[in-house]
PDB file of N, CA and C in Angstrom:
ATOM      1  N   MET A   1      13.763   8.403   9.462  1.00  0.00           N
ATOM      2  CA  MET A   1      14.572   8.648   8.685  1.00  0.00           C
ATOM      3  C   MET A   1      14.979   9.139   7.157  1.00  0.00           C
ATOM      4  N   ALA A   2      13.630   9.312   7.031  1.00  0.00           N
ATOM      5  CA  ALA A   2      13.277  10.387   5.777  1.00  0.00           C
ATOM      6  C   ALA A   2      13.939  11.742   5.930  1.00  0.00           C
ATOM      7  N   ARG A   3      13.432  11.971   7.045  1.00  0.00           N
ATOM      8  CA  ARG A   3      13.867  13.826   7.439  1.00  0.00           C
ATOM      9  C   ARG A   3      15.185  13.615   7.644  1.00  0.00           C
ATOM     10  N   GLN A   4      16.070  12.236   8.361  1.00  0.00           N
ATOM     11  CA  GLN A   4      17.274  12.432   8.507  1.00  0.00           C
ATOM     12  C   GLN A   4      18.625  12.614   6.960  1.00  0.00           C
ATOM     13  N   LYS A   5      17.653  12.491   5.892  1.00  0.00           N
ATOM     14  CA  LYS A   5      18.119  12.112   4.583  1.00  0.00           C
ATOM     15  C   LYS A   5      17.733  13.630   3.683  1.00  0.00           C
ATOM     16  N   GLY A   6      17.027  14.407   4.456  1.00  0.00           N
ATOM     17  CA  GLY A   6      16.531  15.737   3.491  1.00  0.00           C
ATOM     18  C   GLY A   6      15.315  15.953   3.227  1.00  0.00           C
ATOM     19  N   ALA A   7      14.629  15.054   3.263  1.00  0.00           N
ATOM     20  CA  ALA A   7      13.038  15.174   3.076  1.00  0.00           C
ATOM     21  C   ALA A   7      12.429  16.282   4.078  1.00  0.00           C
ATOM     22  N   THR A   8      11.335  16.882   3.840  1.00  0.00           N
ATOM     23  CA  THR A   8      11.181  17.815   4.243  1.00  0.00           C
ATOM     24  C   THR A   8       9.675  17.304   4.923  1.00  0.00           C
ATOM     25  N   ASN A   9       9.461  18.210   6.486  1.00  0.00           N
ATOM     26  CA  ASN A   9       7.952  17.624   7.106  1.00  0.00           C
ATOM     27  C   ASN A   9       6.790  16.919   6.046  1.00  0.00           C
ATOM     28  N   GLY A  10       6.628  18.268   5.323  1.00  0.00           N
ATOM     29  CA  GLY A  10       5.306  17.674   4.417  1.00  0.00           C
ATOM     30  C   GLY A  10       5.965  16.093   3.786  1.00  0.00           C
ATOM     31  N   GLN A  11       6.865  16.290   3.166  1.00  0.00           N
ATOM     32  CA  GLN A  11       7.340  14.605   2.508  1.00  0.00           C
ATOM     33  C   GLN A  11       7.081  13.869   3.481  1.00  0.00           C
ATOM     34  N   ALA A  12       7.704  13.991   4.749  1.00  0.00           N
ATOM     35  CA  ALA A  12       7.823  12.645   5.535  1.00  0.00           C
ATOM     36  C   ALA A  12       6.533  12.317   5.975  1.00  0.00           C
ATOM     37  N   GLU A  13       5.919  13.084   6.062  1.00  0.00           N
ATOM     38  CA  GLU A  13       4.260  12.799   6.730  1.00  0.00           C
ATOM     39  C   GLU A  13       3.645  12.263   5.163  1.00  0.00           C
ATOM     40  N   ALA A  14       3.815  12.762   4.086  1.00  0.00           N
ATOM     41  CA  ALA A  14       3.348  12.290   2.685  1.00  0.00           C
ATOM     42  C   ALA A  14       3.942  10.950   2.428  1.00  0.00           C
ATOM     43  N   ILE A  15       4.695  10.531   2.758  1.00  0.00           N
ATOM     44  CA  ILE A  15       5.601   9.169   2.428  1.00  0.00           C
ATOM     45  C   ILE A  15       4.322   7.722   2.084  1.00  0.00           C
ATOM     46  N   ARG A  16       3.422   7.679   3.175  1.00  0.00           N
ATOM     47  CA  ARG A  16       2.067   6.681   2.924  1.00  0.00           C
ATOM     48  C   ARG A  16       1.042   6.722   1.801  1.00  0.00           C
ATOM     49  N   ASP A  17       1.112   8.327   0.999  1.00  0.00           N
ATOM     50  CA  ASP A  17       0.259   8.653   0.280  1.00  0.00           C
ATOM     51  C   ASP A  17       0.956   9.438  -0.628  1.00  0.00           C
ATOM     52  N   PRO A  18       1.941   9.285  -1.399  1.00  0.00           N
ATOM     53  CA  PRO A  18       2.820  10.172  -2.054  1.00  0.00           C
ATOM     54  C   PRO A  18       2.140  10.444  -3.069  1.00  0.00           C
ATOM     55  N   GLU A  19       1.051  10.216  -3.687  1.00  0.00           N
ATOM     56  CA  GLU A  19      -0.123  11.313  -5.096  1.00  0.00           C
ATOM     57  C   GLU A  19      -0.194  12.484  -4.610  1.00  0.00           C
ATOM     58  N   ARG A  20      -0.464  12.330  -3.199  1.00  0.00           N
ATOM     59  CA  ARG A  20      -1.259  13.704  -2.493  1.00  0.00           C
ATOM     60  C   ARG A  20      -0.039  14.484  -1.567  1.00  0.00           C
ATOM     61  N   GLY A  21       1.196  13.999  -1.909  1.00  0.00           N
ATOM     62  CA  GLY A  21       2.058  14.602  -1.457  1.00  0.00           C
ATOM     63  C   GLY A  21       3.093  15.816  -1.866  1.00  0.00           C
ATOM     64  N   PRO A  22       3.830  16.430  -1.335  1.00  0.00           N
ATOM     65  CA  PRO A  22       4.545  17.551  -2.378  1.00  0.00           C
ATOM     66  C   PRO A  22       5.658  17.377  -2.985  1.00  0.00           C
ATOM     67  N   PHE A  23       5.302  16.281  -3.787  1.00  0.00           N
ATOM     68  CA  PHE A  23       6.327  15.441  -4.529  1.00  0.00           C
ATOM     69  C   PHE A  23       6.365  15.977  -6.008  1.00  0.00           C
ATOM     70  N   THR A  24       7.199  16.223  -6.901  1.00  0.00           N
ATOM     71  CA  THR A  24       7.260  16.175  -8.223  1.00  0.00           C
ATOM     72  C   THR A  24       6.796  15.402  -9.029  1.00  0.00           C
ATOM     73  N   ALA A  25       6.264  15.633  -9.998  1.00  0.00           N
ATOM     74  CA  ALA A  25       5.597  14.507 -10.934  1.00  0.00           C
ATOM     75  C   ALA A  25       6.411  13.142 -11.025  1.00  0.00           C
ATOM     76  N   ARG A  26       7.519  13.348 -11.639  1.00  0.00           N
ATOM     77  CA  ARG A  26       9.098  12.700 -11.180  1.00  0.00           C
ATOM     78  C   ARG A  26       8.791  11.577  -9.854  1.00  0.00           C
ATOM     79  N   GLU A  27       9.179  12.100  -9.324  1.00  0.00           N
ATOM     80  CA  GLU A  27       9.202  11.439  -7.690  1.00  0.00           C
ATOM     81  C   GLU A  27       7.867  10.670  -7.596  1.00  0.00           C
ATOM     82  N   LYS A  28       6.738  11.408  -7.827  1.00  0.00           N
ATOM     83  CA  LYS A  28       5.057  10.590  -7.885  1.00  0.00           C
ATOM     84  C   LYS A  28       5.397   9.373  -8.698  1.00  0.00           C
ATOM     85  N   LEU A  29       6.085   9.256  -9.958  1.00  0.00           N
ATOM     86  CA  LEU A  29       6.325   8.677 -10.747  1.00  0.00           C
ATOM     87  C   LEU A  29       7.370   7.429 -10.550  1.00  0.00           C
ATOM     88  N   GLY A  30       8.393   7.583  -9.551  1.00  0.00           N
ATOM     89  CA  GLY A  30       9.486   6.632  -9.007  1.00  0.00           C
ATOM     90  C   GLY A  30       8.502   6.162  -7.993  1.00  0.00           C
ATOM     91  N   PHE A  31       7.637   6.720  -6.935  1.00  0.00           N
ATOM     92  CA  PHE A  31       6.828   6.112  -6.219  1.00  0.00           C
ATOM     93  C   PHE A  31       5.690   4.813  -6.586  1.00  0.00           C
ATOM     94  N   ARG A  32       5.268   5.524  -7.764  1.00  0.00           N
ATOM     95  CA  ARG A  32       4.613   4.799  -8.304  1.00  0.00           C
ATOM     96  C   ARG A  32       5.292   3.289  -8.793  1.00  0.00           C
ATOM     97  N   ALA A  33       6.407   3.432  -9.474  1.00  0.00           N
ATOM     98  CA  ALA A  33       7.597   1.910  -9.341  1.00  0.00           C
ATOM     99  C   ALA A  33       7.349   1.022  -8.595  1.00  0.00           C
ATOM    100  N   ALA A  34       8.206   2.039  -7.589  1.00  0.00           N
ATOM    101  CA  ALA A  34       7.993   1.303  -6.436  1.00  0.00           C
ATOM    102  C   ALA A  34       6.927   0.191  -5.861  1.00  0.00           C
ATOM    103  N   GLU A  35       5.942   0.942  -5.378  1.00  0.00           N
ATOM    104  CA  GLU A  35       4.567   0.319  -5.502  1.00  0.00           C
ATOM    105  C   GLU A  35       4.442  -0.761  -6.156  1.00  0.00           C
ATOM    106  N   ARG A  36       4.475  -0.418  -7.528  1.00  0.00           N
ATOM    107  CA  ARG A  36       4.210  -1.498  -8.490  1.00  0.00           C
ATOM    108  C   ARG A  36       5.235  -3.025  -8.265  1.00  0.00           C
ATOM    109  N   LEU A  37       6.917  -2.765  -8.212  1.00  0.00           N
ATOM    110  CA  LEU A  37       7.154  -3.905  -8.073  1.00  0.00           C
ATOM    111  C   LEU A  37       7.211  -4.104  -7.055  1.00  0.00           C
ATOM    112  N   HIS A  38       6.351  -3.621  -5.015  1.00  0.00           N
ATOM    113  CA  HIS A  38       5.917  -4.384  -4.408  1.00  0.00           C
ATOM    114  C   HIS A  38       4.992  -5.661  -4.225  1.00  0.00           C
ATOM    115  N   ARG A  39       3.958  -4.561  -5.198  1.00  0.00           N
ATOM    116  CA  ARG A  39       2.893  -5.686  -5.818  1.00  0.00           C
ATOM    117  C   ARG A  39       2.868  -7.128  -6.699  1.00  0.00           C
ATOM    118  N   SER A  40       3.807  -6.725  -7.400  1.00  0.00           N
ATOM    119  CA  SER A  40       4.289  -7.697  -8.702  1.00  0.00           C
ATOM    120  C   SER A  40       5.394  -7.209  -9.761  1.00  0.00           C
ATOM    121  N   PRO A  41       6.444  -7.759 -10.004  1.00  0.00           N
ATOM    122  CA  PRO A  41       7.253  -6.969 -10.921  1.00  0.00           C
ATOM    123  C   PRO A  41       6.810  -7.067 -12.141  1.00  0.00           C
ATOM    124  N   TYR A  42       5.668  -8.327 -12.749  1.00  0.00           N
ATOM    125  CA  TYR A  42       4.794  -7.871 -13.657  1.00  0.00           C
ATOM    126  C   TYR A  42       4.015  -6.814 -13.895  1.00  0.00           C
ATOM    127  N   GLU A  43       4.147  -6.198 -12.806  1.00  0.00           N
ATOM    128  CA  GLU A  43       3.080  -4.684 -13.007  1.00  0.00           C
ATOM    129  C   GLU A  43       3.901  -3.763 -13.570  1.00  0.00           C
ATOM    130  N   LEU A  44       5.145  -4.097 -14.012  1.00  0.00           N
ATOM    131  CA  LEU A  44       6.179  -2.823 -14.488  1.00  0.00           C
ATOM    132  C   LEU A  44       6.219  -3.367 -16.113  1.00  0.00           C
ATOM    133  N   ASP A  45       5.091  -3.514 -16.077  1.00  0.00           N
ATOM    134  CA  ASP A  45       4.920  -3.808 -17.874  1.00  0.00           C
ATOM    135  C   ASP A  45       5.470  -2.777 -18.897  1.00  0.00           C
ATOM    136  N   ASP A  46       5.257  -3.084 -20.655  1.00  0.00           N
ATOM    137  CA  ASP A  46       5.884  -2.179 -21.152  1.00  0.00           C
ATOM    138  C   ASP A  46       5.287  -0.968 -21.246  1.00  0.00           C
ATOM    139  N   GLU A  47       3.921  -0.710 -21.372  1.00  0.00           N
ATOM    140  CA  GLU A  47       3.741   0.669 -21.030  1.00  0.00           C
ATOM    141  C   GLU A  47       4.056   1.403 -19.757  1.00  0.00           C
ATOM    142  N   PHE A  48       3.953   1.013 -18.535  1.00  0.00           N
ATOM    143  CA  PHE A  48       4.964   1.836 -17.404  1.00  0.00           C
ATOM    144  C   PHE A  48       6.111   1.830 -17.879  1.00  0.00           C
ATOM    145  N   TYR A  49       6.717   0.923 -17.991  1.00  0.00           N
ATOM    146  CA  TYR A  49       8.405   1.033 -18.355  1.00  0.00           C
ATOM    147  C   TYR A  49       8.714   2.408 -19.367  1.00  0.00           C
ATOM    148  N   ALA A  50       7.981   2.514 -20.171  1.00  0.00           N
ATOM    149  CA  ALA A  50       7.937   3.439 -21.105  1.00  0.00           C
ATOM    150  C   ALA A  50       7.610   4.535 -20.431  1.00  0.00           C
ATOM    151  N   LEU A  51       7.261   5.076 -19.668  1.00  0.00           N
ATOM    152  CA  LEU A  51       6.883   6.216 -18.863  1.00  0.00           C
ATOM    153  C   LEU A  51       7.931   6.488 -18.125  1.00  0.00           C
ATOM    154  N   LEU A  52       7.777   5.327 -17.657  1.00  0.00           N
ATOM    155  CA  LEU A  52       9.665   5.935 -16.531  1.00  0.00           C
ATOM    156  C   LEU A  52      11.088   6.242 -17.812  1.00  0.00           C
ATOM    157  N   LYS A  53      10.928   5.879 -19.081  1.00  0.00           N
ATOM    158  CA  LYS A  53      11.643   5.718 -19.794  1.00  0.00           C
ATOM    159  C   LYS A  53      11.440   7.341 -20.190  1.00  0.00           C
ATOM    160  N   ARG A  54      10.466   7.629 -19.960  1.00  0.00           N
ATOM    161  CA  ARG A  54      10.462   9.225 -20.394  1.00  0.00           C
ATOM    162  C   ARG A  54      10.955  10.217 -19.377  1.00  0.00           C
ATOM    163  N   ASP A  55      10.996   9.872 -18.096  1.00  0.00           N
ATOM    164  CA  ASP A  55      11.328  10.783 -16.593  1.00  0.00           C
ATOM    165  C   ASP A  55      13.067  10.279 -16.495  1.00  0.00           C
ATOM    166  N   PHE A  56      13.328   9.089 -16.678  1.00  0.00           N
ATOM    167  CA  PHE A  56      14.400   8.930 -15.781  1.00  0.00           C
ATOM    168  C   PHE A  56      15.034   8.226 -17.306  1.00  0.00           C
ATOM    169  N   SER A  57      16.636   8.473 -16.827  1.00  0.00           N
ATOM    170  CA  SER A  57      17.630   7.777 -17.830  1.00  0.00           C
ATOM    171  C   SER A  57      17.761   6.123 -17.438  1.00  0.00           C
ATOM    172  N   ASN A  58      18.129   4.918 -18.183  1.00  0.00           N
ATOM    173  CA  ASN A  58      18.837   3.730 -18.046  1.00  0.00           C
ATOM    174  C   ASN A  58      19.283   3.768 -16.026  1.00  0.00           C
ATOM    175  N   PRO A  59      20.497   4.599 -16.255  1.00  0.00           N
ATOM    176  CA  PRO A  59      20.942   4.279 -14.830  1.00  0.00           C
ATOM    177  C   PRO A  59      19.828   4.921 -13.658  1.00  0.00           C
ATOM    178  N   GLU A  60      19.224   5.743 -13.917  1.00  0.00           N
ATOM    179  CA  GLU A  60      18.250   5.900 -13.025  1.00  0.00           C
ATOM    180  C   GLU A  60      17.393   4.911 -12.898  1.00  0.00           C
ATOM    181  N   ILE A  61      16.835   4.584 -13.805  1.00  0.00           N
ATOM    182  CA  ILE A  61      15.968   3.278 -13.618  1.00  0.00           C
ATOM    183  C   ILE A  61      16.487   1.809 -12.604  1.00  0.00           C
ATOM    184  N   ILE A  62      17.657   1.899 -13.052  1.00  0.00           N
ATOM    185  CA  ILE A  62      18.242   0.837 -12.520  1.00  0.00           C
ATOM    186  C   ILE A  62      18.256   1.121 -10.707  1.00  0.00           C
ATOM    187  N   GLU A  63      18.394   2.579 -10.371  1.00  0.00           N
ATOM    188  CA  GLU A  63      19.018   2.615  -9.214  1.00  0.00           C
ATOM    189  C   GLU A  63      17.683   2.854  -8.555  1.00  0.00           C
ATOM    190  N   LEU A  64      16.528   3.172  -9.074  1.00  0.00           N
ATOM    191  CA  LEU A  64      15.251   3.421  -8.284  1.00  0.00           C
ATOM    192  C   LEU A  64      15.137   2.000  -8.369  1.00  0.00           C
ATOM    193  N   LEU A  65      15.106   0.888  -9.344  1.00  0.00           N
ATOM    194  CA  LEU A  65      14.287  -0.061  -9.085  1.00  0.00           C
ATOM    195  C   LEU A  65      15.181  -1.384  -8.232  1.00  0.00           C
ATOM    196  N   ALA A  66      16.593  -1.218  -8.155  1.00  0.00           N
ATOM    197  CA  ALA A  66      17.723  -1.061  -7.149  1.00  0.00           C
ATOM    198  C   ALA A  66      17.333  -1.317  -5.584  1.00  0.00           C
ATOM    199  N   THR A  67      17.012   0.032  -5.571  1.00  0.00           N
ATOM    200  CA  THR A  67      16.897   0.455  -4.114  1.00  0.00           C
ATOM    201  C   THR A  67      15.388   0.212  -3.639  1.00  0.00           C
ATOM    202  N   ALA A  68      14.326   0.057  -4.451  1.00  0.00           N
ATOM    203  CA  ALA A  68      13.104  -0.944  -4.571  1.00  0.00           C
ATOM    204  C   ALA A  68      13.328  -1.839  -3.802  1.00  0.00           C
ATOM    205  N   SER A  69      13.982  -2.521  -4.938  1.00  0.00           N
ATOM    206  CA  SER A  69      14.236  -4.602  -4.590  1.00  0.00           C
ATOM    207  C   SER A  69      14.839  -4.347  -3.417  1.00  0.00           C
ATOM    208  N   ALA A  70      15.588  -3.646  -2.718  1.00  0.00           N
ATOM    209  CA  ALA A  70      16.520  -4.175  -1.664  1.00  0.00           C
ATOM    210  C   ALA A  70      15.387  -3.751  -0.142  1.00  0.00           C
ATOM    211  N   TRP A  71      14.905  -2.417  -0.647  1.00  0.00           N
ATOM    212  CA  TRP A  71      14.219  -2.453   0.492  1.00  0.00           C
ATOM    213  C   TRP A  71      13.129  -3.586   0.899  1.00  0.00           C
ATOM    214  N   GLU A  72      12.757  -4.125  -0.303  1.00  0.00           N
ATOM    215  CA  GLU A  72      11.721  -5.676   0.141  1.00  0.00           C
ATOM    216  C   GLU A  72      12.533  -6.601   0.431  1.00  0.00           C
ATOM    217  N   PHE A  73      13.575  -6.768   0.055  1.00  0.00           N
ATOM    218  CA  PHE A  73      14.404  -8.018   0.542  1.00  0.00           C
ATOM    219  C   PHE A  73      14.296  -7.498   2.039  1.00  0.00           C
ATOM    220  N   PHE A  74      15.051  -6.416   2.220  1.00  0.00           N
ATOM    221  CA  PHE A  74      15.511  -6.207   3.802  1.00  0.00           C
ATOM    222  C   PHE A  74      14.322  -6.154   4.799  1.00  0.00           C
ATOM    223  N   THR A  75      13.179  -5.789   4.399  1.00  0.00           N
ATOM    224  CA  THR A  75      11.903  -5.886   5.594  1.00  0.00           C
ATOM    225  C   THR A  75      11.687  -7.404   5.577  1.00  0.00           C
ATOM    226  N   ARG A  76      12.080  -7.901   4.449  1.00  0.00           N
ATOM    227  CA  ARG A  76      11.002  -9.460   4.595  1.00  0.00           C
ATOM    228  C   ARG A  76      12.101 -10.235   5.291  1.00  0.00           C
ATOM    229  N   PHE A  77      13.254  -9.972   5.056  1.00  0.00           N
ATOM    230  CA  PHE A  77      14.610 -10.614   5.556  1.00  0.00           C
ATOM    231  C   PHE A  77      14.140 -10.074   7.440  1.00  0.00           C
ATOM    232  N   VAL A  78      14.315  -9.272   7.221  1.00  0.00           N
ATOM    233  CA  VAL A  78      14.383  -8.544   9.106  1.00  0.00           C
ATOM    234  C   VAL A  78      13.225  -9.324   9.819  1.00  0.00           C
ATOM    235  N   ASP A  79      12.025  -9.139   9.114  1.00  0.00           N
ATOM    236  CA  ASP A  79      10.548  -9.736   9.675  1.00  0.00           C
ATOM    237  C   ASP A  79      10.784 -11.039   9.487  1.00  0.00           C
ATOM    238  N   ALA A  80      11.245 -11.842   8.722  1.00  0.00           N
ATOM    239  CA  ALA A  80      11.203 -13.526   8.965  1.00  0.00           C
ATOM    240  C   ALA A  80      12.339 -14.158   9.868  1.00  0.00           C
ATOM    241  N   LEU A  81      13.535 -13.034  10.156  1.00  0.00           N
ATOM    242  CA  LEU A  81      14.364 -13.599  11.388  1.00  0.00           C
ATOM    243  C   LEU A  81      14.023 -12.898  12.606  1.00  0.00           C
ATOM    244  N   ARG A  82      12.918 -12.316  12.907  1.00  0.00           N
ATOM    245  CA  ARG A  82      12.340 -10.887  13.721  1.00  0.00           C
ATOM    246  C   ARG A  82      13.268 -10.970  14.649  1.00  0.00           C
ATOM    247  N   ILE A  83      14.542 -10.127  14.083  1.00  0.00           N
ATOM    248  CA  ILE A  83      15.001  -8.906  14.169  1.00  0.00           C
ATOM    249  C   ILE A  83      14.240  -7.722  14.383  1.00  0.00           C
ATOM    250  N   PRO A  84      14.739  -7.069  15.502  1.00  0.00           N
ATOM    251  CA  PRO A  84      14.209  -5.898  15.936  1.00  0.00           C
ATOM    252  C   PRO A  84      14.514  -4.554  15.215  1.00  0.00           C
ATOM    253  N   THR A  85      13.526  -3.982  15.125  1.00  0.00           N
ATOM    254  CA  THR A  85      14.195  -2.634  13.911  1.00  0.00           C
ATOM    255  C   THR A  85      14.231  -1.324  15.032  1.00  0.00           C
ATOM    256  N   THR A  86      14.088  -1.614  15.914  1.00  0.00           N
ATOM    257  CA  THR A  86      14.030  -0.548  16.996  1.00  0.00           C
ATOM    258  C   THR A  86      15.598  -1.377  17.926  1.00  0.00           C
ATOM    259  N   PRO A  87      16.253   0.084  18.892  1.00  0.00           N
ATOM    260  CA  PRO A  87      16.767  -0.348  19.377  1.00  0.00           C
ATOM    261  C   PRO A  87      16.320  -1.285  20.594  1.00  0.00           C
ATOM    262  N   LEU A  88      16.991  -2.203  21.104  1.00  0.00           N
ATOM    263  CA  LEU A  88      16.417  -2.970  22.628  1.00  0.00           C
ATOM    264  C   LEU A  88      16.936  -1.885  23.403  1.00  0.00           C
ATOM    265  N   ALA A  89      16.160  -1.735  24.711  1.00  0.00           N
ATOM    266  CA  ALA A  89      16.197  -1.220  25.533  1.00  0.00           C
ATOM    267  C   ALA A  89      17.995  -1.823  26.710  1.00  0.00           C
ATOM    268  N   GLU A  90      18.133  -1.044  26.687  1.00  0.00           N
ATOM    269  CA  GLU A  90      19.840  -1.187  27.711  1.00  0.00           C
ATOM    270  C   GLU A  90      19.357  -2.145  29.034  1.00  0.00           C
ATOM    271  N   THR A  91      19.915  -3.523  28.999  1.00  0.00           N
ATOM    272  CA  THR A  91      19.898  -4.048  30.158  1.00  0.00           C
ATOM    273  C   THR A  91      20.829  -3.515  31.713  1.00  0.00           C
ATOM    274  N   PRO A  92      19.953  -3.065  32.523  1.00  0.00           N
ATOM    275  CA  PRO A  92      20.790  -2.590  33.386  1.00  0.00           C
ATOM    276  C   PRO A  92      22.270  -3.489  33.914  1.00  0.00           C
ATOM    277  N   PRO A  93      23.184  -3.228  34.268  1.00  0.00           N
ATOM    278  CA  PRO A  93      24.569  -3.586  35.157  1.00  0.00           C
ATOM    279  C   PRO A  93      23.862  -4.941  35.908  1.00  0.00           C
ATOM    280  N   GLY A  94      24.167  -5.753  35.892  1.00  0.00           N
ATOM    281  CA  GLY A  94      23.686  -6.856  37.016  1.00  0.00           C
ATOM    282  C   GLY A  94      22.613  -7.432  37.031  1.00  0.00           C
ATOM    283  N   ALA A  95      21.430  -6.796  35.690  1.00  0.00           N
ATOM    284  CA  ALA A  95      20.507  -7.749  35.769  1.00  0.00           C
ATOM    285  C   ALA A  95      20.448  -8.740  34.970  1.00  0.00           C
ATOM    286  N   ARG A  96      21.402  -9.153  34.368  1.00  0.00           N
ATOM    287  CA  ARG A  96      21.492 -10.407  33.472  1.00  0.00           C
ATOM    288  C   ARG A  96      21.414 -11.607  34.299  1.00  0.00           C
TER     289      ARG A  96
END
């Protein structure tokens, strides 16, 4: 999915360890914010928020955290309902 949205192969391959990947310092900070939010919203303390404010505008922080929160919700929602995330194999006609 990352490649479809314009990520390079190196970026897509490094997504599990963005600190070591070919990302800018600003992008790595965004990944750290999402990871902290994933663990607990309380990890976005005043000190970390000051780091965000240094590199991101208020609208960018809102977008970053809204996107990370939406992904948190989406995966939990889909997993809780046991919704398959890959297309189901098509049932041949007459096999139903």
